[in-house]
Amino acid sequence: MSNPNSTLCLALHRSWSRLRFRLDEELGIHHGIDFDEFALLQALADADGGQTSLVLLAAELGASRSVMLRRPRPLEKIGLLACLGGVADHRIALRPAALPVLRTAHETVGRVVDQAGDRQHAGPLCASLTLTE
């Protein structure tokens, strides 16, 4: 038994899983990051002054605080991020070295999405999906 809503959700899940696999693979090969790290870098690039609090970053990326404590570490080790502040005011900042990585990673993401299929059909579907808080 199924209904149209669950069928749509499962189809979206399968499509996103396949796309996510390709994004992780291509970003890893060409830039040494995965899609979660790409999203984190982009969120910081969009933040005022290239930095934000861990709490705000977690909310924007839909991740728990504990995940956000672990996720930046590899990017910090390779010099793309800086972790600032103490436990009470944990902030994350983009380092200048991240900007060229992010710029070329956008090209890779665009290429992978273009190869994934017809965006003409995906665009209206994505536009029709709305999430409420």
N, C-alpha and C. Protein backbone atom coordinates (compact mmCIF):
# COMPACT_ATOMS: atom_id res chain seq x y z
N MET A 1 0.82 -1.18 0.00
CA MET A 1 0.00 0.00 0.00
C MET A 1 0.87 1.25 0.00
N SER A 2 0.47 2.20 -0.77
CA SER A 2 1.18 3.47 -0.76
C SER A 2 0.20 4.58 -1.11
N ASN A 3 0.61 5.77 -0.85
CA ASN A 3 -0.20 6.91 -1.26
C ASN A 3 0.71 7.86 -2.04
N PRO A 4 0.13 8.81 -2.74
CA PRO A 4 0.95 9.69 -3.58
C PRO A 4 2.02 10.47 -2.80
N ASN A 5 1.70 10.87 -1.59
CA ASN A 5 2.67 11.63 -0.81
C ASN A 5 3.87 10.78 -0.42
N SER A 6 3.62 9.57 0.02
CA SER A 6 4.76 8.72 0.40
C SER A 6 5.55 8.30 -0.83
N THR A 7 4.89 8.07 -1.93
CA THR A 7 5.57 7.74 -3.18
C THR A 7 6.48 8.89 -3.62
N LEU A 8 5.97 10.12 -3.53
CA LEU A 8 6.78 11.28 -3.87
C LEU A 8 7.99 11.39 -2.94
N CYS A 9 7.76 11.22 -1.65
CA CYS A 9 8.86 11.32 -0.68
C CYS A 9 9.93 10.27 -0.95
N LEU A 10 9.53 9.06 -1.25
CA LEU A 10 10.50 8.01 -1.53
C LEU A 10 11.25 8.26 -2.83
N ALA A 11 10.56 8.77 -3.83
CA ALA A 11 11.22 9.10 -5.10
C ALA A 11 12.23 10.22 -4.90
N LEU A 12 11.86 11.23 -4.13
CA LEU A 12 12.80 12.32 -3.84
C LEU A 12 14.01 11.80 -3.06
N HIS A 13 13.76 10.92 -2.12
CA HIS A 13 14.84 10.35 -1.33
C HIS A 13 15.83 9.58 -2.21
N ARG A 14 15.30 8.73 -3.09
CA ARG A 14 16.17 7.97 -4.00
C ARG A 14 16.96 8.89 -4.91
N SER A 15 16.29 9.90 -5.47
CA SER A 15 16.97 10.84 -6.36
C SER A 15 18.06 11.60 -5.62
N TRP A 16 17.74 12.10 -4.44
CA TRP A 16 18.73 12.85 -3.67
C TRP A 16 19.89 11.95 -3.26
N SER A 17 19.61 10.71 -2.88
CA SER A 17 20.69 9.80 -2.49
C SER A 17 21.66 9.56 -3.64
N ARG A 18 21.13 9.36 -4.83
CA ARG A 18 22.00 9.16 -5.99
C ARG A 18 22.81 10.42 -6.31
N LEU A 19 22.14 11.57 -6.28
CA LEU A 19 22.84 12.82 -6.56
C LEU A 19 23.88 13.10 -5.48
N ARG A 20 23.52 12.87 -4.24
CA ARG A 20 24.43 13.12 -3.12
C ARG A 20 25.69 12.25 -3.24
N PHE A 21 25.51 11.00 -3.63
CA PHE A 21 26.65 10.10 -3.81
C PHE A 21 27.60 10.67 -4.86
N ARG A 22 27.05 11.12 -5.98
CA ARG A 22 27.90 11.68 -7.05
C ARG A 22 28.57 12.98 -6.60
N LEU A 23 27.84 13.83 -5.88
CA LEU A 23 28.43 15.07 -5.38
C LEU A 23 29.57 14.78 -4.41
N ASP A 24 29.35 13.87 -3.46
CA ASP A 24 30.41 13.51 -2.52
C ASP A 24 31.64 12.98 -3.25
N GLU A 25 31.39 12.12 -4.23
CA GLU A 25 32.49 11.52 -4.98
C GLU A 25 33.29 12.58 -5.75
N GLU A 26 32.61 13.42 -6.51
CA GLU A 26 33.30 14.42 -7.33
C GLU A 26 33.95 15.50 -6.49
N LEU A 27 33.27 15.97 -5.45
CA LEU A 27 33.87 16.97 -4.58
C LEU A 27 35.09 16.40 -3.86
N GLY A 28 35.01 15.14 -3.48
CA GLY A 28 36.15 14.50 -2.81
C GLY A 28 37.35 14.35 -3.73
N ILE A 29 37.10 13.91 -4.94
CA ILE A 29 38.19 13.72 -5.90
C ILE A 29 38.87 15.04 -6.24
N HIS A 30 38.08 16.06 -6.52
CA HIS A 30 38.63 17.31 -7.05
C HIS A 30 38.98 18.36 -5.99
N HIS A 31 38.35 18.27 -4.81
CA HIS A 31 38.53 19.34 -3.82
C HIS A 31 38.83 18.84 -2.41
N GLY A 32 38.74 17.54 -2.18
CA GLY A 32 39.03 16.99 -0.87
C GLY A 32 37.96 17.27 0.18
N ILE A 33 36.74 17.57 -0.26
CA ILE A 33 35.63 17.82 0.66
C ILE A 33 34.42 17.02 0.22
N ASP A 34 33.45 16.88 1.11
CA ASP A 34 32.19 16.25 0.71
C ASP A 34 31.10 17.32 0.63
N PHE A 35 29.88 16.91 0.32
CA PHE A 35 28.82 17.89 0.13
C PHE A 35 28.45 18.61 1.43
N ASP A 36 28.47 17.91 2.57
CA ASP A 36 28.21 18.57 3.85
C ASP A 36 29.23 19.67 4.11
N GLU A 37 30.48 19.38 3.82
CA GLU A 37 31.54 20.38 4.01
C GLU A 37 31.38 21.54 3.03
N PHE A 38 30.98 21.24 1.81
CA PHE A 38 30.69 22.28 0.83
C PHE A 38 29.59 23.20 1.35
N ALA A 39 28.51 22.61 1.87
CA ALA A 39 27.39 23.40 2.41
C ALA A 39 27.84 24.25 3.60
N LEU A 40 28.69 23.69 4.44
CA LEU A 40 29.21 24.43 5.59
C LEU A 40 30.04 25.62 5.12
N LEU A 41 30.93 25.40 4.17
CA LEU A 41 31.76 26.49 3.64
C LEU A 41 30.89 27.58 3.00
N GLN A 42 29.86 27.17 2.27
CA GLN A 42 28.99 28.15 1.63
C GLN A 42 28.20 28.95 2.67
N ALA A 43 27.73 28.28 3.71
CA ALA A 43 27.01 28.98 4.77
C ALA A 43 27.90 30.03 5.43
N LEU A 44 29.16 29.69 5.63
CA LEU A 44 30.10 30.66 6.20
C LEU A 44 30.39 31.80 5.22
N ALA A 45 30.52 31.48 3.95
CA ALA A 45 30.76 32.52 2.95
C ALA A 45 29.58 33.50 2.90
N ASP A 46 28.38 33.00 3.14
CA ASP A 46 27.19 33.84 3.13
C ASP A 46 27.01 34.63 4.43
N ALA A 47 27.67 34.19 5.49
CA ALA A 47 27.54 34.84 6.80
C ALA A 47 28.25 36.18 6.82
N ASP A 48 27.77 37.06 7.66
CA ASP A 48 28.37 38.39 7.81
C ASP A 48 29.81 38.26 8.28
N GLY A 49 30.74 38.76 7.49
CA GLY A 49 32.15 38.71 7.84
C GLY A 49 32.77 37.34 7.70
N GLY A 50 32.07 36.39 7.07
CA GLY A 50 32.62 35.05 6.89
C GLY A 50 32.70 34.23 8.15
N GLN A 51 31.95 34.64 9.19
CA GLN A 51 31.95 33.86 10.41
C GLN A 51 30.58 33.92 11.08
N THR A 52 30.32 32.92 11.90
CA THR A 52 29.05 32.85 12.61
C THR A 52 29.20 31.95 13.83
N SER A 53 28.20 31.95 14.65
CA SER A 53 28.23 31.09 15.82
C SER A 53 27.88 29.66 15.43
N LEU A 54 28.35 28.75 16.20
CA LEU A 54 28.07 27.34 15.97
C LEU A 54 26.57 27.07 16.01
N VAL A 55 25.87 27.72 16.93
CA VAL A 55 24.42 27.52 17.08
C VAL A 55 23.68 27.98 15.83
N LEU A 56 24.01 29.15 15.31
CA LEU A 56 23.36 29.64 14.10
C LEU A 56 23.70 28.78 12.89
N LEU A 57 24.94 28.36 12.80
CA LEU A 57 25.36 27.51 11.69
C LEU A 57 24.64 26.17 11.72
N ALA A 58 24.52 25.58 12.90
CA ALA A 58 23.80 24.32 13.05
C ALA A 58 22.35 24.47 12.62
N ALA A 59 21.71 25.57 13.02
CA ALA A 59 20.31 25.79 12.64
C ALA A 59 20.18 25.95 11.13
N GLU A 60 21.08 26.70 10.52
CA GLU A 60 21.01 26.91 9.08
C GLU A 60 21.21 25.62 8.29
N LEU A 61 22.11 24.76 8.78
CA LEU A 61 22.42 23.52 8.06
C LEU A 61 21.54 22.35 8.49
N GLY A 62 20.68 22.57 9.48
CA GLY A 62 19.80 21.50 9.94
C GLY A 62 20.56 20.38 10.63
N ALA A 63 21.57 20.75 11.40
CA ALA A 63 22.40 19.76 12.09
C ALA A 63 22.37 20.03 13.59
N SER A 64 22.62 19.01 14.36
CA SER A 64 22.67 19.17 15.81
C SER A 64 23.98 19.87 16.20
N ARG A 65 23.99 20.40 17.40
CA ARG A 65 25.19 21.07 17.89
C ARG A 65 26.36 20.08 17.97
N SER A 66 26.09 18.85 18.38
CA SER A 66 27.17 17.87 18.49
C SER A 66 27.76 17.54 17.12
N VAL A 67 26.93 17.46 16.10
CA VAL A 67 27.43 17.24 14.74
C VAL A 67 28.28 18.43 14.31
N MET A 68 27.81 19.62 14.63
CA MET A 68 28.53 20.81 14.22
C MET A 68 29.83 21.00 14.99
N LEU A 69 29.97 20.37 16.13
CA LEU A 69 31.25 20.40 16.83
C LEU A 69 32.29 19.54 16.12
N ARG A 70 31.82 18.45 15.49
CA ARG A 70 32.74 17.52 14.80
C ARG A 70 33.00 17.91 13.35
N ARG A 71 31.99 18.38 12.65
CA ARG A 71 32.08 18.61 11.20
C ARG A 71 33.18 19.59 10.79
N PRO A 72 33.40 20.68 11.51
CA PRO A 72 34.43 21.63 11.06
C PRO A 72 35.87 21.16 11.26
N ARG A 73 36.10 20.19 12.12
CA ARG A 73 37.48 19.79 12.46
C ARG A 73 38.34 19.44 11.25
N PRO A 74 37.88 18.59 10.33
CA PRO A 74 38.73 18.28 9.16
C PRO A 74 39.04 19.53 8.32
N LEU A 75 38.06 20.42 8.21
CA LEU A 75 38.27 21.64 7.43
C LEU A 75 39.23 22.59 8.15
N GLU A 76 39.21 22.56 9.46
CA GLU A 76 40.16 23.36 10.23
C GLU A 76 41.58 22.81 10.05
N LYS A 77 41.71 21.49 10.04
CA LYS A 77 43.03 20.86 9.90
C LYS A 77 43.68 21.16 8.55
N ILE A 78 42.87 21.33 7.50
CA ILE A 78 43.45 21.62 6.19
C ILE A 78 43.47 23.11 5.88
N GLY A 79 43.15 23.93 6.87
CA GLY A 79 43.31 25.37 6.76
C GLY A 79 42.19 26.13 6.09
N LEU A 80 40.99 25.53 5.99
CA LEU A 80 39.88 26.23 5.35
C LEU A 80 39.00 26.98 6.35
N LEU A 81 39.02 26.55 7.61
CA LEU A 81 38.21 27.16 8.67
C LEU A 81 39.06 27.45 9.88
N ALA A 82 38.56 28.34 10.70
CA ALA A 82 39.15 28.59 12.02
C ALA A 82 38.04 28.50 13.05
N CYS A 83 38.29 27.78 14.12
CA CYS A 83 37.35 27.70 15.23
C CYS A 83 37.79 28.73 16.26
N LEU A 84 36.88 29.61 16.61
CA LEU A 84 37.18 30.73 17.49
C LEU A 84 36.33 30.65 18.75
N GLY A 85 36.74 31.38 19.77
CA GLY A 85 35.95 31.49 20.99
C GLY A 85 36.05 30.25 21.86
N GLY A 86 35.38 30.34 22.97
CA GLY A 86 35.38 29.23 23.92
C GLY A 86 34.10 28.44 23.83
N VAL A 87 33.85 27.66 24.85
CA VAL A 87 32.68 26.79 24.87
C VAL A 87 31.38 27.61 24.83
N ALA A 88 31.35 28.71 25.54
CA ALA A 88 30.13 29.52 25.62
C ALA A 88 29.82 30.23 24.30
N ASP A 89 30.85 30.66 23.58
CA ASP A 89 30.66 31.41 22.34
C ASP A 89 31.51 30.80 21.24
N HIS A 90 31.18 29.59 20.88
CA HIS A 90 31.94 28.88 19.85
C HIS A 90 31.56 29.47 18.49
N ARG A 91 32.54 30.03 17.79
CA ARG A 91 32.32 30.63 16.48
C ARG A 91 33.21 29.92 15.45
N ILE A 92 32.76 29.95 14.22
CA ILE A 92 33.51 29.33 13.13
C ILE A 92 33.69 30.40 12.06
N ALA A 93 34.91 30.51 11.55
CA ALA A 93 35.23 31.53 10.55
C ALA A 93 35.87 30.89 9.32
N LEU A 94 35.54 31.45 8.19
CA LEU A 94 36.12 31.03 6.92
C LEU A 94 37.51 31.64 6.80
N ARG A 95 38.47 30.84 6.39
CA ARG A 95 39.81 31.36 6.13
C ARG A 95 39.92 31.71 4.65
N PRO A 96 40.81 32.62 4.30
CA PRO A 96 40.96 33.02 2.88
C PRO A 96 41.22 31.85 1.93
N ALA A 97 41.91 30.83 2.40
CA ALA A 97 42.21 29.68 1.55
C ALA A 97 40.96 28.94 1.09
N ALA A 98 39.84 29.13 1.79
CA ALA A 98 38.60 28.43 1.44
C ALA A 98 37.93 29.02 0.21
N LEU A 99 38.17 30.28 -0.08
CA LEU A 99 37.45 30.94 -1.18
C LEU A 99 37.73 30.32 -2.55
N PRO A 100 38.99 30.07 -2.92
CA PRO A 100 39.20 29.42 -4.23
C PRO A 100 38.65 27.99 -4.26
N VAL A 101 38.73 27.29 -3.14
CA VAL A 101 38.17 25.93 -3.07
C VAL A 101 36.67 25.99 -3.29
N LEU A 102 36.02 26.91 -2.61
CA LEU A 102 34.57 27.06 -2.73
C LEU A 102 34.17 27.45 -4.15
N ARG A 103 34.91 28.35 -4.75
CA ARG A 103 34.61 28.80 -6.11
C ARG A 103 34.68 27.64 -7.11
N THR A 104 35.74 26.86 -7.05
CA THR A 104 35.86 25.74 -7.99
C THR A 104 34.91 24.59 -7.62
N ALA A 105 34.60 24.45 -6.33
CA ALA A 105 33.63 23.43 -5.92
C ALA A 105 32.25 23.75 -6.48
N HIS A 106 31.90 25.03 -6.58
CA HIS A 106 30.62 25.42 -7.20
C HIS A 106 30.57 24.96 -8.65
N GLU A 107 31.67 25.06 -9.35
CA GLU A 107 31.73 24.59 -10.74
C GLU A 107 31.51 23.08 -10.79
N THR A 108 32.12 22.36 -9.86
CA THR A 108 31.96 20.90 -9.82
C THR A 108 30.51 20.52 -9.52
N VAL A 109 29.91 21.19 -8.55
CA VAL A 109 28.51 20.91 -8.21
C VAL A 109 27.63 21.19 -9.43
N GLY A 110 27.86 22.31 -10.09
CA GLY A 110 27.07 22.63 -11.28
C GLY A 110 27.19 21.58 -12.37
N ARG A 111 28.42 21.10 -12.58
CA ARG A 111 28.64 20.06 -13.60
C ARG A 111 27.93 18.76 -13.23
N VAL A 112 28.02 18.36 -11.96
CA VAL A 112 27.39 17.12 -11.52
C VAL A 112 25.87 17.21 -11.66
N VAL A 113 25.31 18.35 -11.28
CA VAL A 113 23.85 18.53 -11.39
C VAL A 113 23.44 18.53 -12.86
N ASP A 114 24.22 19.20 -13.71
CA ASP A 114 23.92 19.18 -15.14
C ASP A 114 23.94 17.77 -15.69
N GLN A 115 24.90 16.97 -15.26
CA GLN A 115 25.00 15.58 -15.73
C GLN A 115 23.91 14.69 -15.15
N ALA A 116 23.34 15.10 -14.03
CA ALA A 116 22.36 14.25 -13.33
C ALA A 116 21.04 14.16 -14.07
N GLY A 117 20.73 15.11 -14.89
CA GLY A 117 19.48 15.00 -15.61
C GLY A 117 18.94 16.34 -16.04
N ASP A 118 17.75 16.31 -16.45
CA ASP A 118 17.08 17.47 -17.01
C ASP A 118 16.61 18.40 -15.90
N ARG A 119 17.30 19.50 -15.70
CA ARG A 119 16.92 20.45 -14.65
C ARG A 119 15.62 21.17 -15.00
N GLN A 120 15.22 21.16 -16.25
CA GLN A 120 13.97 21.81 -16.64
C GLN A 120 12.79 21.17 -15.90
N HIS A 121 12.85 19.85 -15.71
CA HIS A 121 11.78 19.16 -14.99
C HIS A 121 11.97 19.24 -13.48
N ALA A 122 13.22 19.25 -13.03
CA ALA A 122 13.49 19.29 -11.60
C ALA A 122 13.16 20.64 -11.00
N GLY A 123 13.37 21.73 -11.74
CA GLY A 123 13.14 23.07 -11.22
C GLY A 123 11.72 23.29 -10.72
N PRO A 124 10.69 23.03 -11.55
CA PRO A 124 9.32 23.24 -11.07
C PRO A 124 8.97 22.34 -9.88
N LEU A 125 9.51 21.11 -9.87
CA LEU A 125 9.24 20.22 -8.74
C LEU A 125 9.83 20.80 -7.46
N CYS A 126 11.09 21.22 -7.53
CA CYS A 126 11.73 21.81 -6.35
C CYS A 126 11.03 23.08 -5.91
N ALA A 127 10.59 23.89 -6.87
CA ALA A 127 9.90 25.14 -6.53
C ALA A 127 8.57 24.86 -5.86
N SER A 128 7.95 23.74 -6.20
CA SER A 128 6.63 23.44 -5.63
C SER A 128 6.73 22.89 -4.20
N LEU A 129 7.92 22.46 -3.79
CA LEU A 129 8.09 21.94 -2.44
C LEU A 129 8.31 23.09 -1.48
N THR A 130 7.53 23.13 -0.45
CA THR A 130 7.72 24.16 0.56
C THR A 130 7.80 23.48 1.92
N LEU A 131 8.72 23.98 2.73
CA LEU A 131 8.86 23.47 4.08
C LEU A 131 8.46 24.56 5.03
N THR A 132 7.70 24.20 6.04
CA THR A 132 7.30 25.18 7.04
C THR A 132 8.00 24.83 8.34
N GLU A 133 8.20 25.85 9.13
CA GLU A 133 8.88 25.63 10.41
C GLU A 133 7.86 25.42 11.50
